């Protein structure tokens, strides 16, 4: 079963979260782009956190409000 979608937000420690899960560099996350869930990885780059797509490495700067979810545990390997 997939985790339900939620939005990215910064917690009180200034770290990004999806639901109750704190994200760090290397975290595998799916974000919704144009109605499609796309898998990628979170990385720190140039003084900011980005999501890089698994397929082609396209970067997205993390910001509050991006729809995100964790993939199934079998899909969390990058």
C-alpha atoms as a PDB file:
ATOM      1  CA  UNK A   1       0.000   0.000   0.000  1.00  0.00           C
ATOM      2  CA  UNK A   2       1.280   3.466  -0.843  1.00  0.00           C
ATOM      3  CA  UNK A   3       1.613   6.250   1.675  1.00  0.00           C
ATOM      4  CA  UNK A   4      -1.010   8.915   1.246  1.00  0.00           C
ATOM      5  CA  UNK A   5      -0.009  12.151  -0.378  1.00  0.00           C
ATOM      6  CA  UNK A   6       0.712  15.197   1.707  1.00  0.00           C
ATOM      7  CA  UNK A   7       2.653  18.391   1.189  1.00  0.00           C
ATOM      8  CA  UNK A   8       6.263  19.120   1.999  1.00  0.00           C
ATOM      9  CA  UNK A   9       6.851  21.343   4.990  1.00  0.00           C
ATOM     10  CA  UNK A  10       9.742  22.429   7.184  1.00  0.00           C
ATOM     11  CA  UNK A  11       9.615  21.229  10.773  1.00  0.00           C
ATOM     12  CA  UNK A  12      10.637  23.212  13.865  1.00  0.00           C
ATOM     13  CA  UNK A  13      14.285  22.169  13.325  1.00  0.00           C
ATOM     14  CA  UNK A  14      14.274  23.575   9.769  1.00  0.00           C
ATOM     15  CA  UNK A  15      14.292  20.145   8.123  1.00  0.00           C
ATOM     16  CA  UNK A  16      11.929  19.035   5.365  1.00  0.00           C
ATOM     17  CA  UNK A  17       9.212  16.510   6.175  1.00  0.00           C
ATOM     18  CA  UNK A  18       6.692  14.380   4.322  1.00  0.00           C
ATOM     19  CA  UNK A  19       3.981  13.659   6.870  1.00  0.00           C
ATOM     20  CA  UNK A  20       5.823  12.528   9.994  1.00  0.00           C
ATOM     21  CA  UNK A  21       8.962  11.462   8.091  1.00  0.00           C
ATOM     22  CA  UNK A  22      11.969  13.784   8.222  1.00  0.00           C
ATOM     23  CA  UNK A  23      13.934  13.920   4.967  1.00  0.00           C
ATOM     24  CA  UNK A  24      17.709  14.007   4.631  1.00  0.00           C
ATOM     25  CA  UNK A  25      20.138  13.809   1.724  1.00  0.00           C
ATOM     26  CA  UNK A  26      19.545  10.493  -0.006  1.00  0.00           C
ATOM     27  CA  UNK A  27      15.872  10.216   0.968  1.00  0.00           C
ATOM     28  CA  UNK A  28      13.780   8.772  -1.865  1.00  0.00           C
ATOM     29  CA  UNK A  29      10.535  10.695  -2.377  1.00  0.00           C
ATOM     30  CA  UNK A  30       7.854  10.932  -5.047  1.00  0.00           C
ATOM     31  CA  UNK A  31       6.529  14.376  -5.953  1.00  0.00           C
ATOM     32  CA  UNK A  32       3.514  15.242  -8.054  1.00  0.00           C
ATOM     33  CA  UNK A  33       4.288  17.134 -11.261  1.00  0.00           C
ATOM     34  CA  UNK A  34       1.481  17.874 -13.728  1.00  0.00           C
ATOM     35  CA  UNK A  35      -0.693  15.212 -12.081  1.00  0.00           C
ATOM     36  CA  UNK A  36       1.966  12.463 -12.268  1.00  0.00           C
ATOM     37  CA  UNK A  37       3.943  10.954  -9.403  1.00  0.00           C
ATOM     38  CA  UNK A  38       7.656  10.984 -10.189  1.00  0.00           C
ATOM     39  CA  UNK A  39      10.297   9.293  -8.051  1.00  0.00           C
ATOM     40  CA  UNK A  40      13.482  11.093  -7.081  1.00  0.00           C
ATOM     41  CA  UNK A  41      16.015  11.687  -4.346  1.00  0.00           C
ATOM     42  CA  UNK A  42      16.596  14.580  -1.938  1.00  0.00           C
ATOM     43  CA  UNK A  43      20.072  16.144  -1.988  1.00  0.00           C
ATOM     44  CA  UNK A  44      21.739  19.230  -0.537  1.00  0.00           C
ATOM     45  CA  UNK A  45      23.262  21.319  -3.340  1.00  0.00           C
ATOM     46  CA  UNK A  46      24.362  24.966  -3.522  1.00  0.00           C
ATOM     47  CA  UNK A  47      23.135  25.878  -0.007  1.00  0.00           C
ATOM     48  CA  UNK A  48      19.631  24.499  -0.581  1.00  0.00           C
ATOM     49  CA  UNK A  49      17.765  21.191  -0.681  1.00  0.00           C
ATOM     50  CA  UNK A  50      16.633  19.838  -4.021  1.00  0.00           C
ATOM     51  CA  UNK A  51      14.698  16.876  -5.314  1.00  0.00           C
ATOM     52  CA  UNK A  52      16.370  15.232  -8.342  1.00  0.00           C
ATOM     53  CA  UNK A  53      14.248  13.029 -10.596  1.00  0.00           C
ATOM     54  CA  UNK A  54      15.311   9.420 -10.714  1.00  0.00           C
ATOM     55  CA  UNK A  55      14.818   9.206 -14.474  1.00  0.00           C
ATOM     56  CA  UNK A  56      16.775  12.191 -15.816  1.00  0.00           C
ATOM     57  CA  UNK A  57      18.182  14.095 -12.831  1.00  0.00           C
ATOM     58  CA  UNK A  58      16.031  17.198 -13.280  1.00  0.00           C
ATOM     59  CA  UNK A  59      16.311  19.315 -10.089  1.00  0.00           C
ATOM     60  CA  UNK A  60      13.405  20.913  -8.209  1.00  0.00           C
ATOM     61  CA  UNK A  61      14.072  23.329  -5.329  1.00  0.00           C
ATOM     62  CA  UNK A  62      12.151  22.142  -2.272  1.00  0.00           C
ATOM     63  CA  UNK A  63       9.474  24.491  -0.997  1.00  0.00           C
ATOM     64  CA  UNK A  64       6.408  24.181   1.191  1.00  0.00           C
ATOM     65  CA  UNK A  65       3.299  22.998  -0.579  1.00  0.00           C
ATOM     66  CA  UNK A  66       4.811  20.525  -3.058  1.00  0.00           C
ATOM     67  CA  UNK A  67       2.671  17.367  -3.058  1.00  0.00           C
ATOM     68  CA  UNK A  68       4.891  14.507  -1.949  1.00  0.00           C
ATOM     69  CA  UNK A  69       4.774  10.958  -0.649  1.00  0.00           C
ATOM     70  CA  UNK A  70       7.177   8.195   0.233  1.00  0.00           C
ATOM     71  CA  UNK A  71       7.251   5.312  -2.256  1.00  0.00           C
ATOM     72  CA  UNK A  72       6.501   1.729  -1.250  1.00  0.00           C
ATOM     73  CA  UNK A  73       9.310   0.226   0.803  1.00  0.00           C
ATOM     74  CA  UNK A  74      10.298  -1.968  -2.176  1.00  0.00           C
ATOM     75  CA  UNK A  75      10.732   1.161  -4.332  1.00  0.00           C
ATOM     76  CA  UNK A  76      12.829   3.178  -1.857  1.00  0.00           C
ATOM     77  CA  UNK A  77      16.135   1.929  -3.204  1.00  0.00           C
ATOM     78  CA  UNK A  78      17.758   4.429  -5.530  1.00  0.00           C
END
